[in-house]
C-alpha atoms as a PDB file:
ATOM      1  CA  MET A   1     -24.826 -31.294  38.056  1.00  0.00           C
ATOM      2  CA  SER A   2     -26.958 -31.916  34.868  1.00  0.00           C
ATOM      3  CA  LEU A   3     -25.215 -34.083  32.153  1.00  0.00           C
ATOM      4  CA  VAL A   4     -26.548 -34.416  28.640  1.00  0.00           C
ATOM      5  CA  LYS A   5     -24.991 -37.037  25.868  1.00  0.00           C
ATOM      6  CA  ASP A   6     -25.063 -35.783  22.297  1.00  0.00           C
ATOM      7  CA  SER A   7     -23.139 -36.595  18.944  1.00  0.00           C
ATOM      8  CA  CYS A   8     -20.375 -33.835  18.719  1.00  0.00           C
ATOM      9  CA  LEU A   9     -17.764 -32.842  16.135  1.00  0.00           C
ATOM     10  CA  CYS A  10     -14.479 -31.230  17.320  1.00  0.00           C
ATOM     11  CA  LEU A  11     -14.092 -27.750  15.466  1.00  0.00           C
ATOM     12  CA  ARG A  12     -11.481 -26.537  17.545  1.00  0.00           C
ATOM     13  CA  LYS A  13      -8.788 -26.911  20.153  1.00  0.00           C
ATOM     14  CA  THR A  14      -6.754 -25.639  22.508  1.00  0.00           C
ATOM     15  CA  GLU A  15      -4.082 -27.056  24.759  1.00  0.00           C
ATOM     16  CA  TYR A  16      -5.125 -25.643  28.069  1.00  0.00           C
ATOM     17  CA  SER A  17      -2.443 -27.462  30.297  1.00  0.00           C
ATOM     18  CA  GLU A  18      -0.108 -30.434  30.308  1.00  0.00           C
ATOM     19  CA  THR A  19      -3.204 -32.636  30.822  1.00  0.00           C
ATOM     20  CA  SER A  20      -6.088 -30.489  29.595  1.00  0.00           C
ATOM     21  CA  GLN A  21      -7.886 -29.113  26.617  1.00  0.00           C
ATOM     22  CA  ILE A  22     -10.544 -26.475  25.788  1.00  0.00           C
ATOM     23  CA  LEU A  23     -12.390 -27.432  22.619  1.00  0.00           C
ATOM     24  CA  THR A  24     -15.217 -25.946  20.540  1.00  0.00           C
ATOM     25  CA  LEU A  25     -17.910 -28.600  19.581  1.00  0.00           C
ATOM     26  CA  LEU A  26     -20.647 -28.814  17.434  1.00  0.00           C
ATOM     27  CA  SER A  27     -23.382 -30.991  18.833  1.00  0.00           C
ATOM     28  CA  ARG A  28     -26.362 -31.965  17.172  1.00  0.00           C
ATOM     29  CA  ASN A  29     -29.074 -31.245  19.513  1.00  0.00           C
ATOM     30  CA  HIS A  30     -27.498 -28.679  21.631  1.00  0.00           C
ATOM     31  CA  GLY A  31     -25.759 -26.407  19.091  1.00  0.00           C
ATOM     32  CA  LEU A  32     -22.422 -24.907  19.224  1.00  0.00           C
ATOM     33  CA  LEU A  33     -20.574 -25.158  22.823  1.00  0.00           C
ATOM     34  CA  ARG A  34     -17.077 -24.732  24.529  1.00  0.00           C
ATOM     35  CA  VAL A  35     -16.092 -27.152  26.897  1.00  0.00           C
ATOM     36  CA  ILE A  36     -13.054 -27.934  28.696  1.00  0.00           C
ATOM     37  CA  ALA A  37     -11.747 -31.688  28.835  1.00  0.00           C
ATOM     38  CA  LYS A  38      -9.886 -31.976  32.238  1.00  0.00           C
ATOM     39  CA  GLY A  39      -7.538 -34.472  31.977  1.00  0.00           C
ATOM     40  CA  ALA A  40      -7.450 -35.188  28.501  1.00  0.00           C
ATOM     41  CA  HIS A  41      -3.771 -36.485  28.236  1.00  0.00           C
ATOM     42  CA  ARG A  42      -3.675 -38.253  31.499  1.00  0.00           C
ATOM     43  CA  THR A  43      -3.729 -41.854  31.486  1.00  0.00           C
ATOM     44  CA  THR A  44      -3.894 -44.328  34.359  1.00  0.00           C
ATOM     45  CA  LYS A  45      -1.283 -46.869  35.224  1.00  0.00           C
ATOM     46  CA  ALA A  46      -2.889 -49.222  32.962  1.00  0.00           C
ATOM     47  CA  GLY A  47      -2.509 -46.773  30.132  1.00  0.00           C
ATOM     48  CA  ALA A  48      -5.995 -46.079  29.805  1.00  0.00           C
ATOM     49  CA  SER A  49      -7.692 -42.638  29.339  1.00  0.00           C
ATOM     50  CA  LYS A  50     -11.528 -41.562  29.374  1.00  0.00           C
ATOM     51  CA  PHE A  51     -10.856 -39.315  26.470  1.00  0.00           C
ATOM     52  CA  GLY A  52      -8.386 -41.611  24.081  1.00  0.00           C
ATOM     53  CA  GLY A  53      -5.534 -39.613  25.043  1.00  0.00           C
ATOM     54  CA  GLY A  54      -6.572 -36.497  23.795  1.00  0.00           C
ATOM     55  CA  ILE A  55      -9.287 -35.147  21.378  1.00  0.00           C
ATOM     56  CA  ASP A  56      -8.336 -34.125  17.975  1.00  0.00           C
ATOM     57  CA  LEU A  57      -9.699 -31.569  15.110  1.00  0.00           C
ATOM     58  CA  LEU A  58     -12.618 -33.240  13.144  1.00  0.00           C
ATOM     59  CA  ASP A  59     -13.089 -35.800  15.298  1.00  0.00           C
ATOM     60  CA  LEU A  60     -16.954 -37.346  15.564  1.00  0.00           C
ATOM     61  CA  ALA A  61     -18.017 -38.620  19.173  1.00  0.00           C
ATOM     62  CA  ASP A  62     -20.690 -39.482  21.506  1.00  0.00           C
ATOM     63  CA  ALA A  63     -19.901 -36.916  24.303  1.00  0.00           C
ATOM     64  CA  VAL A  64     -21.235 -36.174  27.821  1.00  0.00           C
ATOM     65  CA  PHE A  65     -21.015 -32.891  29.175  1.00  0.00           C
ATOM     66  CA  THR A  66     -22.483 -30.594  31.687  1.00  0.00           C
ATOM     67  CA  ASP A  67     -25.426 -28.639  30.128  1.00  0.00           C
ATOM     68  CA  HIS A  68     -25.233 -25.024  31.384  1.00  0.00           C
ATOM     69  CA  PRO A  69     -26.125 -22.485  28.409  1.00  0.00           C
ATOM     70  CA  ASP A  70     -25.507 -19.703  31.257  1.00  0.00           C
ATOM     71  CA  ARG A  71     -22.024 -20.448  31.451  1.00  0.00           C
ATOM     72  CA  ASP A  72     -19.221 -19.617  28.881  1.00  0.00           C
ATOM     73  CA  LEU A  73     -17.496 -23.110  29.596  1.00  0.00           C
ATOM     74  CA  SER A  74     -18.977 -26.868  30.190  1.00  0.00           C
ATOM     75  CA  THR A  75     -17.406 -29.560  31.301  1.00  0.00           C
ATOM     76  CA  LEU A  76     -16.811 -32.427  28.982  1.00  0.00           C
ATOM     77  CA  THR A  77     -17.062 -35.783  30.960  1.00  0.00           C
ATOM     78  CA  GLU A  78     -16.987 -38.567  28.279  1.00  0.00           C
ATOM     79  CA  TRP A  79     -15.832 -39.059  24.893  1.00  0.00           C
ATOM     80  CA  SER A  80     -16.396 -41.968  22.877  1.00  0.00           C
ATOM     81  CA  LEU A  81     -14.864 -41.588  19.362  1.00  0.00           C
ATOM     82  CA  LYS A  82     -16.896 -42.754  16.355  1.00  0.00           C
ATOM     83  CA  ASP A  83     -15.087 -41.422  13.521  1.00  0.00           C
ATOM     84  CA  GLY A  84     -11.508 -39.849  13.515  1.00  0.00           C
ATOM     85  CA  HIS A  85     -11.819 -39.516   9.613  1.00  0.00           C
ATOM     86  CA  LEU A  86      -8.772 -41.133   8.940  1.00  0.00           C
ATOM     87  CA  GLU A  87      -8.965 -41.244   5.325  1.00  0.00           C
ATOM     88  CA  LEU A  88      -9.499 -37.144   5.281  1.00  0.00           C
ATOM     89  CA  ARG A  89      -6.244 -36.679   7.047  1.00  0.00           C
ATOM     90  CA  LYS A  90      -4.467 -38.488   4.260  1.00  0.00           C
ATOM     91  CA  ASN A  91      -5.758 -35.737   1.823  1.00  0.00           C
ATOM     92  CA  LEU A  92      -3.993 -32.234   2.267  1.00  0.00           C
ATOM     93  CA  ARG A  93      -6.679 -30.596   0.264  1.00  0.00           C
ATOM     94  CA  GLY A  94      -9.763 -32.424   1.751  1.00  0.00           C
ATOM     95  CA  LEU A  95      -8.046 -31.478   5.244  1.00  0.00           C
ATOM     96  CA  TYR A  96      -7.706 -27.887   4.579  1.00  0.00           C
ATOM     97  CA  LEU A  97     -11.469 -27.565   3.267  1.00  0.00           C
ATOM     98  CA  ALA A  98     -12.560 -29.545   6.230  1.00  0.00           C
ATOM     99  CA  GLN A  99     -10.719 -27.255   8.616  1.00  0.00           C
ATOM    100  CA  TYR A 100     -12.279 -23.965   6.829  1.00  0.00           C
ATOM    101  CA  ALA A 101     -15.618 -25.613   7.085  1.00  0.00           C
ATOM    102  CA  ALA A 102     -15.124 -25.986  10.829  1.00  0.00           C
ATOM    103  CA  GLU A 103     -13.772 -22.186  11.090  1.00  0.00           C
ATOM    104  CA  LEU A 104     -16.846 -21.054   9.074  1.00  0.00           C
ATOM    105  CA  VAL A 105     -19.129 -22.970  11.597  1.00  0.00           C
ATOM    106  CA  SER A 106     -17.516 -21.847  14.575  1.00  0.00           C
ATOM    107  CA  LEU A 107     -17.654 -18.177  13.497  1.00  0.00           C
ATOM    108  CA  LEU A 108     -21.325 -18.214  11.766  1.00  0.00           C
ATOM    109  CA  ILE A 109     -23.475 -20.076  14.731  1.00  0.00           C
ATOM    110  CA  GLU A 110     -24.552 -18.981  17.830  1.00  0.00           C
ATOM    111  CA  GLU A 111     -23.487 -20.844  21.163  1.00  0.00           C
ATOM    112  CA  HIS A 112     -26.357 -23.079  22.168  1.00  0.00           C
ATOM    113  CA  ASP A 113     -28.600 -22.595  18.873  1.00  0.00           C
ATOM    114  CA  PRO A 114     -28.957 -26.140  17.521  1.00  0.00           C
ATOM    115  CA  HIS A 115     -28.742 -26.951  13.945  1.00  0.00           C
ATOM    116  CA  PRO A 116     -29.225 -30.617  13.743  1.00  0.00           C
ATOM    117  CA  ASP A 117     -29.548 -30.727  10.058  1.00  0.00           C
ATOM    118  CA  LEU A 118     -26.424 -28.714   9.457  1.00  0.00           C
ATOM    119  CA  PHE A 119     -24.472 -30.910  11.752  1.00  0.00           C
ATOM    120  CA  ASP A 120     -25.750 -33.868   9.539  1.00  0.00           C
ATOM    121  CA  HIS A 121     -24.589 -31.954   6.392  1.00  0.00           C
ATOM    122  CA  LEU A 122     -21.149 -31.042   7.785  1.00  0.00           C
ATOM    123  CA  GLN A 123     -20.636 -35.043   8.796  1.00  0.00           C
ATOM    124  CA  ASN A 124     -21.564 -35.870   5.104  1.00  0.00           C
ATOM    125  CA  CYS A 125     -19.286 -33.148   3.779  1.00  0.00           C
ATOM    126  CA  LEU A 126     -16.476 -34.513   5.873  1.00  0.00           C
ATOM    127  CA  GLN A 127     -16.894 -37.965   4.360  1.00  0.00           C
ATOM    128  CA  ALA A 128     -16.940 -36.354   1.059  1.00  0.00           C
ATOM    129  CA  LEU A 129     -13.744 -34.527   1.437  1.00  0.00           C
ATOM    130  CA  SER A 130     -11.834 -37.775   1.270  1.00  0.00           C
ATOM    131  CA  THR A 131     -13.143 -38.578  -2.191  1.00  0.00           C
ATOM    132  CA  PRO A 132     -12.669 -36.892  -5.767  1.00  0.00           C
ATOM    133  CA  ALA A 133     -16.047 -35.165  -5.152  1.00  0.00           C
ATOM    134  CA  LEU A 134     -14.358 -32.816  -2.383  1.00  0.00           C
ATOM    135  CA  GLU A 135     -14.970 -29.330  -4.367  1.00  0.00           C
ATOM    136  CA  GLN A 136     -18.337 -29.643  -4.998  1.00  0.00           C
ATOM    137  CA  SER A 137     -19.052 -31.198  -1.676  1.00  0.00           C
ATOM    138  CA  PHE A 138     -17.456 -28.157   0.143  1.00  0.00           C
ATOM    139  CA  LEU A 139     -18.922 -25.787  -2.068  1.00  0.00           C
ATOM    140  CA  ALA A 140     -22.294 -27.365  -1.455  1.00  0.00           C
ATOM    141  CA  PHE A 141     -21.881 -27.192   2.516  1.00  0.00           C
ATOM    142  CA  GLU A 142     -20.605 -23.728   2.270  1.00  0.00           C
ATOM    143  CA  ILE A 143     -23.663 -22.346   0.412  1.00  0.00           C
ATOM    144  CA  GLU A 144     -26.054 -24.485   2.717  1.00  0.00           C
ATOM    145  CA  LEU A 145     -24.402 -23.179   5.929  1.00  0.00           C
ATOM    146  CA  LEU A 146     -24.794 -19.404   4.563  1.00  0.00           C
ATOM    147  CA  ARG A 147     -28.470 -20.238   3.889  1.00  0.00           C
ATOM    148  CA  GLU A 148     -28.997 -21.801   7.176  1.00  0.00           C
ATOM    149  CA  THR A 149     -27.632 -19.177   9.466  1.00  0.00           C
ATOM    150  CA  GLY A 150     -29.211 -16.282   7.490  1.00  0.00           C
ATOM    151  CA  TYR A 151     -25.720 -15.173   5.711  1.00  0.00           C
ATOM    152  CA  LEU A 152     -26.647 -16.259   2.533  1.00  0.00           C
ATOM    153  CA  PRO A 153     -26.106 -13.322  -0.243  1.00  0.00           C
ATOM    154  CA  ASP A 154     -28.686 -12.659  -2.828  1.00  0.00           C
ATOM    155  CA  LEU A 155     -27.491 -14.525  -6.190  1.00  0.00           C
ATOM    156  CA  ARG A 156     -30.938 -14.490  -7.975  1.00  0.00           C
ATOM    157  CA  GLU A 157     -31.305 -10.695  -8.584  1.00  0.00           C
ATOM    158  CA  CYS A 158     -29.950  -7.498  -8.348  1.00  0.00           C
ATOM    159  CA  THR A 159     -29.625  -6.269  -4.701  1.00  0.00           C
ATOM    160  CA  SER A 160     -30.091  -2.663  -5.527  1.00  0.00           C
ATOM    161  CA  CYS A 161     -32.868  -2.770  -8.049  1.00  0.00           C
ATOM    162  CA  GLY A 162     -34.322  -6.253  -7.994  1.00  0.00           C
ATOM    163  CA  THR A 163     -33.898  -6.863 -11.708  1.00  0.00           C
ATOM    164  CA  ARG A 164     -33.204 -10.602 -12.508  1.00  0.00           C
ATOM    165  CA  SER A 165     -31.691  -9.468 -15.730  1.00  0.00           C
ATOM    166  CA  LEU A 166     -28.165 -10.603 -14.586  1.00  0.00           C
ATOM    167  CA  THR A 167     -26.775 -13.155 -17.387  1.00  0.00           C
ATOM    168  CA  ASN A 168     -26.364 -10.789 -20.276  1.00  0.00           C
ATOM    169  CA  THR A 169     -22.739 -10.496 -19.525  1.00  0.00           C
ATOM    170  CA  SER A 170     -19.847 -12.457 -19.127  1.00  0.00           C
ATOM    171  CA  ARG A 171     -18.976 -11.107 -15.592  1.00  0.00           C
ATOM    172  CA  ILE A 172     -21.319  -9.932 -12.808  1.00  0.00           C
ATOM    173  CA  SER A 173     -20.519  -7.792 -10.308  1.00  0.00           C
ATOM    174  CA  PHE A 174     -21.081  -8.419  -6.410  1.00  0.00           C
ATOM    175  CA  SER A 175     -21.438  -5.761  -3.298  1.00  0.00           C
ATOM    176  CA  PRO A 176     -20.368  -6.845  -0.001  1.00  0.00           C
ATOM    177  CA  ASP A 177     -22.084  -3.992   1.483  1.00  0.00           C
ATOM    178  CA  ARG A 178     -25.406  -4.881  -0.198  1.00  0.00           C
ATOM    179  CA  GLY A 179     -25.013  -8.609   0.153  1.00  0.00           C
ATOM    180  CA  GLY A 180     -25.582  -9.600  -2.973  1.00  0.00           C
ATOM    181  CA  VAL A 181     -25.111  -9.269  -7.016  1.00  0.00           C
ATOM    182  CA  LEU A 182     -25.577  -6.131  -9.021  1.00  0.00           C
ATOM    183  CA  CYS A 183     -26.837  -5.653 -12.433  1.00  0.00           C
ATOM    184  CA  ASN A 184     -25.021  -3.577 -15.338  1.00  0.00           C
ATOM    185  CA  ASN A 185     -27.219  -0.383 -14.348  1.00  0.00           C
ATOM    186  CA  CYS A 186     -26.540  -0.332 -10.626  1.00  0.00           C
ATOM    187  CA  GLU A 187     -23.035  -1.458 -10.494  1.00  0.00           C
ATOM    188  CA  PRO A 188     -21.249   2.145 -11.044  1.00  0.00           C
ATOM    189  CA  ARG A 189     -22.670   3.243  -7.801  1.00  0.00           C
ATOM    190  CA  PHE A 190     -20.982   0.535  -5.676  1.00  0.00           C
ATOM    191  CA  PRO A 191     -17.109   1.111  -5.924  1.00  0.00           C
ATOM    192  CA  GLN A 192     -16.027  -1.564  -3.556  1.00  0.00           C
ATOM    193  CA  ARG A 193     -17.719  -4.229  -5.621  1.00  0.00           C
ATOM    194  CA  LEU A 194     -16.292  -7.713  -6.735  1.00  0.00           C
ATOM    195  CA  THR A 195     -16.339  -9.475  -9.768  1.00  0.00           C
ATOM    196  CA  LEU A 196     -17.376 -12.954 -10.651  1.00  0.00           C
ATOM    197  CA  ASP A 197     -17.629 -15.005 -13.958  1.00  0.00           C
ATOM    198  CA  ALA A 198     -21.315 -15.188 -14.823  1.00  0.00           C
ATOM    199  CA  ARG A 199     -20.942 -19.151 -15.746  1.00  0.00           C
ATOM    200  CA  LEU A 200     -19.688 -19.426 -11.980  1.00  0.00           C
ATOM    201  CA  LEU A 201     -23.003 -17.398 -10.555  1.00  0.00           C
ATOM    202  CA  GLY A 202     -24.939 -19.884 -12.527  1.00  0.00           C
ATOM    203  CA  ILE A 203     -23.024 -22.807 -10.609  1.00  0.00           C
ATOM    204  CA  MET A 204     -24.095 -21.263  -7.303  1.00  0.00           C
ATOM    205  CA  GLN A 205     -27.666 -20.450  -8.351  1.00  0.00           C
ATOM    206  CA  LEU A 206     -27.489 -24.347  -9.381  1.00  0.00           C
ATOM    207  CA  PHE A 207     -26.043 -25.512  -5.961  1.00  0.00           C
ATOM    208  CA  LEU A 208     -29.216 -23.130  -4.266  1.00  0.00           C
ATOM    209  CA  THR A 209     -31.864 -25.043  -6.313  1.00  0.00           C
ATOM    210  CA  ASN A 210     -30.419 -28.616  -6.048  1.00  0.00           C
ATOM    211  CA  GLY A 211     -28.820 -28.370  -2.486  1.00  0.00           C
ATOM    212  CA  THR A 212     -26.471 -31.420  -1.748  1.00  0.00           C
ATOM    213  CA  THR A 213     -28.361 -33.736  -4.445  1.00  0.00           C
ATOM    214  CA  ARG A 214     -27.106 -33.963  -8.106  1.00  0.00           C
ATOM    215  CA  LEU A 215     -23.884 -32.049  -7.515  1.00  0.00           C
ATOM    216  CA  PRO A 216     -22.063 -31.240 -10.644  1.00  0.00           C
ATOM    217  CA  ILE A 217     -18.531 -32.048 -11.139  1.00  0.00           C
ATOM    218  CA  LEU A 218     -16.321 -29.071 -10.078  1.00  0.00           C
ATOM    219  CA  THR A 219     -12.717 -28.303 -10.242  1.00  0.00           C
ATOM    220  CA  ARG A 220     -10.456 -25.817  -8.272  1.00  0.00           C
ATOM    221  CA  HIS A 221     -10.547 -23.729 -11.540  1.00  0.00           C
ATOM    222  CA  GLN A 222     -14.078 -23.113 -10.695  1.00  0.00           C
ATOM    223  CA  THR A 223     -14.439 -23.370  -7.252  1.00  0.00           C
ATOM    224  CA  ASP A 224     -11.620 -21.105  -6.141  1.00  0.00           C
ATOM    225  CA  PRO A 225     -12.956 -17.875  -7.555  1.00  0.00           C
ATOM    226  CA  ILE A 226     -16.371 -18.745  -5.836  1.00  0.00           C
ATOM    227  CA  ASN A 227     -14.789 -19.570  -2.400  1.00  0.00           C
ATOM    228  CA  LYS A 228     -12.610 -16.536  -2.887  1.00  0.00           C
ATOM    229  CA  LEU A 229     -15.670 -14.167  -3.479  1.00  0.00           C
ATOM    230  CA  LEU A 230     -17.896 -15.877  -0.587  1.00  0.00           C
ATOM    231  CA  ALA A 231     -14.636 -15.311   2.119  1.00  0.00           C
ATOM    232  CA  GLU A 232     -14.447 -11.788   1.076  1.00  0.00           C
ATOM    233  CA  TYR A 233     -18.197 -11.647   1.639  1.00  0.00           C
ATOM    234  CA  ILE A 234     -17.952 -13.265   4.900  1.00  0.00           C
ATOM    235  CA  GLU A 235     -15.049 -11.323   6.239  1.00  0.00           C
ATOM    236  CA  HIS A 236     -16.740  -8.004   5.430  1.00  0.00           C
ATOM    237  CA  THR A 237     -20.188  -9.179   6.998  1.00  0.00           C
ATOM    238  CA  LEU A 238     -18.212 -10.247  10.268  1.00  0.00           C
ATOM    239  CA  GLY A 239     -15.662  -7.514  10.399  1.00  0.00           C
ATOM    240  CA  ARG A 240     -12.969  -9.939  10.982  1.00  0.00           C
ATOM    241  CA  ARG A 241     -10.339 -11.723   8.875  1.00  0.00           C
ATOM    242  CA  LEU A 242     -10.792 -15.708   8.294  1.00  0.00           C
ATOM    243  CA  ARG A 243      -7.739 -17.752   9.168  1.00  0.00           C
ATOM    244  CA  LEU A 244      -8.396 -20.553   6.586  1.00  0.00           C
ATOM    245  CA  PRO A 245      -8.707 -18.994   3.114  1.00  0.00           C
ATOM    246  CA  LYS A 246      -4.935 -18.553   2.509  1.00  0.00           C
ATOM    247  CA  TYR A 247      -4.375 -22.281   2.588  1.00  0.00           C
ATOM    248  CA  VAL A 248      -7.872 -23.167   0.531  1.00  0.00           C
ATOM    249  CA  ILE A 249      -7.598 -20.615  -2.254  1.00  0.00           C
ATOM    250  CA  ALA A 250      -4.714 -20.251  -4.851  1.00  0.00           C
ATOM    251  CA  ALA A 251      -3.173 -16.977  -4.704  1.00  0.00           C
ATOM    252  CA  ASN A 252      -3.520 -16.015  -8.074  1.00  0.00           C
ATOM    253  CA  ARG A 253      -7.521 -16.588  -8.347  1.00  0.00           C
END
């Protein structure tokens, strides 16, 4: 049995039995994987457990697991917790954003496809979500995730005609079908379009330029409409509903 060791973040967990769990992990060097943690809740007579009594969402650990990319389910053999993100768990808004980030990663990344830089960005984002910088930190990670996975919509020019004259109006149209913004001349041809304040488009373009450096301070009044547009775009692209947006985005935005 081939065993490997890697840093992992727990993105999803399912209680498989009274003692075991099935987990979706993002590993730094082996990508997304599904594992079974047999006996995760089982303890010895001395009260010890090789998995610390169970693995929780968003935990960061050094993990040892079987390396079988051709199988749907690997076996987790060791889990040495490095960061349980305790401060994050005290912040409900930050916790919802963290769980939403985990949902997006688990859907947009292919299994066994390593993205070490994205792993680092996610870990940095989880740290920031327990601070006042949570809104801009999540948005920066979301845009970076879409870019890294090839799902980033075209935000710099009209996705229909290619013009860059997009800022001469207060609102911008966005086409989920075309995967990008539309100019005033092209938008009538796309009845299923979404709308966004042009100033918020400017914020997204700024994030594309700056990445995770020199982030502007943002509030939910700014990030909720952006997150709503991107959630609808991702749902349209994947052809499935997301679970977390209803907890992340205010209903009237």
